[in-house]
Protein backbone atom coordinates (compact mmCIF):
# COMPACT_ATOMS: atom_id res chain seq x y z
CA MET A 1 -54.46 12.85 7.73
CA VAL A 2 -51.47 13.90 9.82
CA ARG A 3 -53.67 13.86 12.91
CA GLY A 4 -54.69 10.31 12.00
CA MET A 5 -51.04 9.27 11.85
CA TYR A 6 -50.45 10.76 15.30
CA ALA A 7 -53.42 8.84 16.72
CA ALA A 8 -52.32 5.57 15.11
CA THR A 9 -48.75 6.10 16.32
CA SER A 10 -49.92 6.66 19.89
CA GLY A 11 -51.97 3.46 19.66
CA ALA A 12 -48.94 1.53 18.41
CA LEU A 13 -46.82 2.87 21.29
CA VAL A 14 -49.43 1.82 23.84
CA ALA A 15 -49.64 -1.63 22.24
CA GLN A 16 -45.85 -1.95 22.43
CA SER A 17 -45.94 -0.99 26.12
CA ALA A 18 -48.62 -3.62 26.70
CA VAL A 19 -46.51 -6.29 24.96
CA ASP A 20 -43.48 -5.36 27.09
CA THR A 21 -45.57 -5.51 30.28
CA ILE A 22 -47.08 -8.89 29.43
CA ALA A 23 -43.67 -10.27 28.44
CA ASN A 24 -42.30 -9.27 31.86
CA ASN A 25 -45.22 -11.02 33.57
CA LEU A 26 -44.57 -14.18 31.54
CA ALA A 27 -40.87 -14.06 32.39
CA ASN A 28 -41.78 -14.16 36.10
CA VAL A 29 -44.41 -16.91 36.15
CA ASN A 30 -41.99 -19.06 38.19
CA THR A 31 -40.81 -16.25 40.50
CA ALA A 32 -42.07 -16.79 44.03
CA GLY A 33 -44.25 -13.98 45.33
CA PHE A 34 -44.26 -12.11 42.02
CA LYS A 35 -47.20 -9.76 41.42
CA ARG A 36 -48.14 -9.22 37.81
CA THR A 37 -48.06 -5.71 36.38
CA LEU A 38 -51.17 -4.14 34.91
CA LEU A 39 -51.30 -1.51 32.18
CA GLN A 40 -53.81 1.32 32.50
CA VAL A 41 -54.53 3.33 29.36
CA GLN A 42 -56.25 6.67 28.96
CA ALA A 43 -57.13 9.02 26.11
CA GLN A 44 -54.73 11.85 25.46
CA ARG A 45 -55.98 15.35 26.13
CA SER A 46 -58.53 16.34 23.51
CA THR A 47 -58.65 19.65 21.65
CA GLN A 48 -61.84 21.68 21.44
CA LEU A 49 -62.75 22.75 17.90
CA TYR A 50 -64.73 25.89 17.08
CA ARG A 51 -66.24 27.38 13.94
CA PHE A 52 -65.70 31.10 13.56
CA GLN A 53 -68.37 33.08 11.66
CA THR A 54 -66.65 35.70 9.54
CA ASP A 55 -69.13 36.17 6.66
CA PRO A 56 -69.35 39.76 5.42
CA GLY A 57 -72.25 41.64 6.91
CA ASN A 58 -72.59 39.30 9.90
CA ALA A 59 -71.21 39.81 13.36
CA ALA A 60 -68.24 37.62 14.22
CA ALA A 61 -69.36 34.54 16.11
CA GLN A 62 -67.74 31.47 17.66
CA GLN A 63 -69.64 28.17 17.49
CA PRO A 64 -68.33 25.04 19.26
CA ILE A 65 -68.06 21.97 17.04
CA GLY A 66 -66.79 19.37 19.52
CA ALA A 67 -63.69 17.67 20.85
CA LEU A 68 -60.92 16.25 18.67
CA GLY A 69 -59.10 13.29 20.18
CA SER A 70 -55.40 12.74 19.61
CA GLY A 71 -54.93 9.09 20.56
CA ALA A 72 -54.12 7.05 23.65
CA GLU A 73 -51.36 6.99 26.25
CA VAL A 74 -50.23 4.88 29.19
CA TYR A 75 -51.72 6.21 32.42
CA ASP A 76 -50.08 3.90 34.99
CA THR A 77 -48.55 0.46 35.49
CA PRO A 78 -49.72 -0.68 38.93
CA ALA A 79 -49.20 -4.12 40.40
CA ASP A 80 -51.99 -6.64 40.89
CA PHE A 81 -51.69 -7.75 44.53
CA ALA A 82 -54.08 -10.70 44.25
CA GLN A 83 -53.08 -13.72 46.31
CA GLY A 84 -51.00 -16.31 44.47
CA ALA A 85 -51.32 -20.07 44.90
CA ILE A 86 -49.48 -21.67 47.82
CA ALA A 87 -46.98 -24.44 47.00
CA SER A 88 -45.27 -26.70 49.53
CA THR A 89 -41.47 -26.95 49.38
CA GLY A 90 -40.53 -28.63 52.67
CA ASN A 91 -37.74 -26.10 53.20
CA ASP A 92 -37.74 -24.78 56.78
CA LEU A 93 -36.70 -21.29 55.66
CA ASP A 94 -39.35 -20.97 52.98
CA VAL A 95 -42.34 -18.94 54.17
CA ALA A 96 -45.53 -18.18 52.26
CA LEU A 97 -47.92 -15.41 53.27
CA SER A 98 -51.66 -15.91 53.26
CA GLY A 99 -53.33 -12.51 53.36
CA PRO A 100 -52.43 -8.98 52.28
CA GLY A 101 -49.17 -8.57 54.24
CA PHE A 102 -45.54 -8.24 53.16
CA PHE A 103 -42.14 -9.17 54.54
CA ALA A 104 -40.12 -6.09 55.51
CA THR A 105 -36.55 -6.04 54.17
CA ARG A 106 -33.56 -3.73 54.01
CA ASP A 107 -31.08 -3.61 51.15
CA GLY A 108 -27.32 -3.04 51.26
CA ASN A 109 -27.81 0.75 51.18
CA GLY A 110 -30.15 0.68 54.15
CA ALA A 111 -33.29 1.35 52.12
CA LEU A 112 -36.51 -0.18 53.40
CA GLY A 113 -38.46 -2.43 51.05
CA TYR A 114 -41.20 -5.04 51.05
CA THR A 115 -41.58 -8.38 49.31
CA ARG A 116 -43.89 -11.38 49.10
CA ASN A 117 -41.06 -13.73 48.14
CA GLY A 118 -40.42 -15.91 51.18
CA GLU A 119 -37.56 -18.00 49.75
CA PHE A 120 -35.17 -17.17 52.60
CA SER A 121 -31.67 -18.37 53.46
CA LEU A 122 -28.97 -17.67 56.04
CA ASP A 123 -25.73 -15.89 55.21
CA GLN A 124 -22.39 -16.74 56.83
CA ASN A 125 -23.34 -14.70 59.89
CA GLY A 126 -26.74 -16.31 60.36
CA THR A 127 -28.65 -13.29 59.05
CA LEU A 128 -31.94 -14.20 57.42
CA THR A 129 -31.83 -12.91 53.84
CA ALA A 130 -34.26 -12.72 50.95
CA GLN A 131 -33.47 -14.20 47.55
CA ASN A 132 -32.34 -10.80 46.25
CA GLY A 133 -29.85 -10.43 49.12
CA ASP A 134 -31.89 -8.02 51.26
CA LYS A 135 -31.94 -8.60 55.02
CA VAL A 136 -35.26 -9.74 56.43
CA LEU A 137 -36.44 -7.53 59.30
CA ASP A 138 -38.15 -8.35 62.57
CA ALA A 139 -41.10 -6.54 64.15
CA ASN A 140 -38.73 -3.82 65.43
CA GLY A 141 -37.11 -3.18 62.05
CA SER A 142 -33.86 -4.98 62.87
CA PRO A 143 -32.29 -7.78 60.79
CA ILE A 144 -33.22 -11.27 61.97
CA VAL A 145 -30.22 -13.37 63.04
CA LEU A 146 -30.60 -17.11 63.64
CA PRO A 147 -28.20 -19.72 65.00
CA LEU A 148 -26.31 -21.49 62.24
CA THR A 149 -27.25 -24.85 63.75
CA GLY A 150 -30.57 -26.17 64.99
CA LYS A 151 -34.06 -26.57 63.52
CA ALA A 152 -35.98 -23.37 62.87
CA VAL A 153 -39.74 -23.36 63.40
CA ILE A 154 -41.89 -20.46 62.19
CA ASP A 155 -45.48 -20.38 63.42
CA ARG A 156 -48.48 -18.80 61.73
CA SER A 157 -47.92 -15.48 63.53
CA GLY A 158 -44.33 -15.26 62.25
CA ALA A 159 -42.65 -16.11 65.57
CA ILE A 160 -39.35 -17.96 65.02
CA THR A 161 -37.95 -20.55 67.41
CA VAL A 162 -34.82 -22.66 67.10
CA ASP A 163 -34.64 -25.83 69.18
CA GLY A 164 -37.47 -24.50 71.32
CA GLN A 165 -35.91 -21.09 71.98
CA THR A 166 -37.59 -17.93 70.62
CA VAL A 167 -35.09 -16.08 68.46
CA GLY A 168 -37.14 -13.62 66.42
CA GLN A 169 -40.39 -12.45 64.91
CA LEU A 170 -41.00 -11.78 61.23
CA GLY A 171 -41.86 -8.11 60.70
CA LEU A 172 -45.02 -8.56 58.65
CA THR A 173 -46.57 -5.33 57.35
CA GLU A 174 -49.95 -4.52 55.84
CA PHE A 175 -50.98 -1.36 53.99
CA THR A 176 -54.24 0.56 53.80
CA ASN A 177 -53.32 1.99 50.38
CA LEU A 178 -51.65 -0.60 48.17
CA SER A 179 -51.59 1.80 45.22
CA ALA A 180 -48.77 3.65 47.01
CA LEU A 181 -46.55 0.55 46.77
CA ARG A 182 -44.44 0.64 43.62
CA PRO A 183 -42.25 -2.16 42.21
CA GLN A 184 -38.53 -1.40 42.26
CA GLY A 185 -37.17 -4.56 40.67
CA SER A 186 -35.77 -7.76 42.18
CA ASN A 187 -39.28 -8.58 43.47
CA ARG A 188 -39.11 -5.62 45.86
CA PHE A 189 -41.70 -2.94 46.52
CA VAL A 190 -41.09 0.49 48.01
CA VAL A 191 -43.49 3.01 49.50
CA SER A 192 -44.37 5.99 47.33
CA GLY A 193 -46.74 8.39 49.05
CA ASN A 194 -49.07 7.60 51.91
CA ALA A 195 -49.33 3.81 51.97
CA GLY A 196 -50.62 3.56 55.53
CA ALA A 197 -48.17 0.91 56.78
CA ARG A 198 -49.19 -0.98 59.91
CA PRO A 199 -48.29 -4.27 61.65
CA ALA A 200 -50.07 -7.17 59.98
CA THR A 201 -53.24 -8.40 61.68
CA THR A 202 -54.88 -10.53 58.98
CA THR A 203 -51.81 -12.21 57.45
CA THR A 204 -50.54 -15.64 58.43
CA SER A 205 -47.17 -17.30 57.78
CA LEU A 206 -46.95 -20.79 56.32
CA GLN A 207 -43.56 -22.43 56.89
CA GLY A 208 -42.22 -24.85 54.31
CA SER A 209 -44.20 -23.23 51.50
CA ILE A 210 -43.94 -20.39 49.00
CA GLU A 211 -46.49 -18.20 47.30
CA LYS A 212 -46.37 -18.70 43.55
CA SER A 213 -46.56 -15.89 41.01
CA ASN A 214 -50.08 -14.61 40.34
CA ALA A 215 -49.32 -14.20 36.63
CA ASP A 216 -51.69 -16.32 34.52
CA VAL A 217 -49.85 -17.90 31.59
CA VAL A 218 -52.93 -18.60 29.44
CA ARG A 219 -54.45 -15.16 29.98
CA SER A 220 -51.09 -13.51 29.34
CA MET A 221 -50.63 -15.37 26.06
CA VAL A 222 -54.11 -14.35 24.88
CA ASP A 223 -53.44 -10.72 25.84
CA LEU A 224 -50.05 -10.85 24.13
CA ILE A 225 -51.57 -12.00 20.83
CA ALA A 226 -54.34 -9.38 21.05
CA ASN A 227 -51.88 -6.55 21.64
CA GLU A 228 -49.57 -7.72 18.86
CA ARG A 229 -52.55 -7.59 16.47
CA TRP A 230 -53.45 -4.16 17.81
CA PHE A 231 -49.91 -3.00 17.08
CA GLU A 232 -50.07 -4.40 13.55
CA ALA A 233 -53.44 -2.70 12.92
CA ASN A 234 -52.02 0.67 13.96
CA GLN A 235 -48.92 0.04 11.87
CA LYS A 236 -51.06 -0.62 8.76
CA SER A 237 -53.07 2.52 9.49
CA ILE A 238 -49.86 4.56 9.59
CA GLN A 239 -48.68 3.05 6.30
CA THR A 240 -52.06 3.68 4.62
CA GLN A 241 -52.14 7.32 5.70
CA ASP A 242 -48.52 7.82 4.72
CA THR A 243 -49.30 6.47 1.24
CA ALA A 244 -52.32 8.77 0.99
CA ASN A 245 -50.19 11.76 2.00
CA ALA A 246 -47.58 10.88 -0.62
CA GLN A 247 -50.23 10.61 -3.34
CA ALA A 248 -51.76 13.93 -2.29
CA VAL A 249 -48.38 15.66 -2.50
CA GLN A 250 -47.66 14.17 -5.92
CA THR A 251 -51.13 15.10 -7.23
CA VAL A 252 -50.90 18.68 -5.95
CA GLY A 253 -47.44 18.91 -7.46
CA ARG A 254 -48.68 17.88 -10.91
CA SER A 255 -51.70 20.23 -10.72
CA SER A 256 -49.52 23.21 -10.00
CA ASN A 257 -47.39 22.68 -13.13
């Protein structure tokens, strides 16, 4: 029965992790460029059981019975990089990406990151910045600086002109291994492992638009309810087994008197 409590507890912990993940996705349904987080679950390592033959007069023997599972655990929490819907804003510094690419950015500590959130603005020095404050980089990895006056035009290749003069090029990056991109918070992704970064060839820029979050509210609500029920089922299983253990202890205690 103790093993059953361990298995039910592991199931409850996984369900709680799922609820937390879904809640984060729901909290970001209005965050531009947000990619919903998935939860991958796997079985915990199983234990092989054996029957040992120790009857008098027979040679000792070991007979396999089978595997004993011990519950579930979270395997990974990757991002779902599916394309989000494109929404028009009319803002000249808003840029949506159509395709698998990312904007390259650099934070205040100089760390390189990537984002799909194209809600850009200019700081007091004319540096193009992302919503989280990171500097947006050009094709050479340098911050993009625009004139503080004039109309900016960004074409589908990411080339930026102001009043007809070319002033920069968005450093769009694609990856051959998206699983090596890990979320770091603030709608930023960082490379972990061999991501295979390369200049974008199949991604286009859409000025005056943003990519909406790819989190699905209806699906998330359904998943949230299902995982809450899963948690409650495991909780009841724990309570039932705990009650059975208590009764067993009390019964054994009476029998020994």
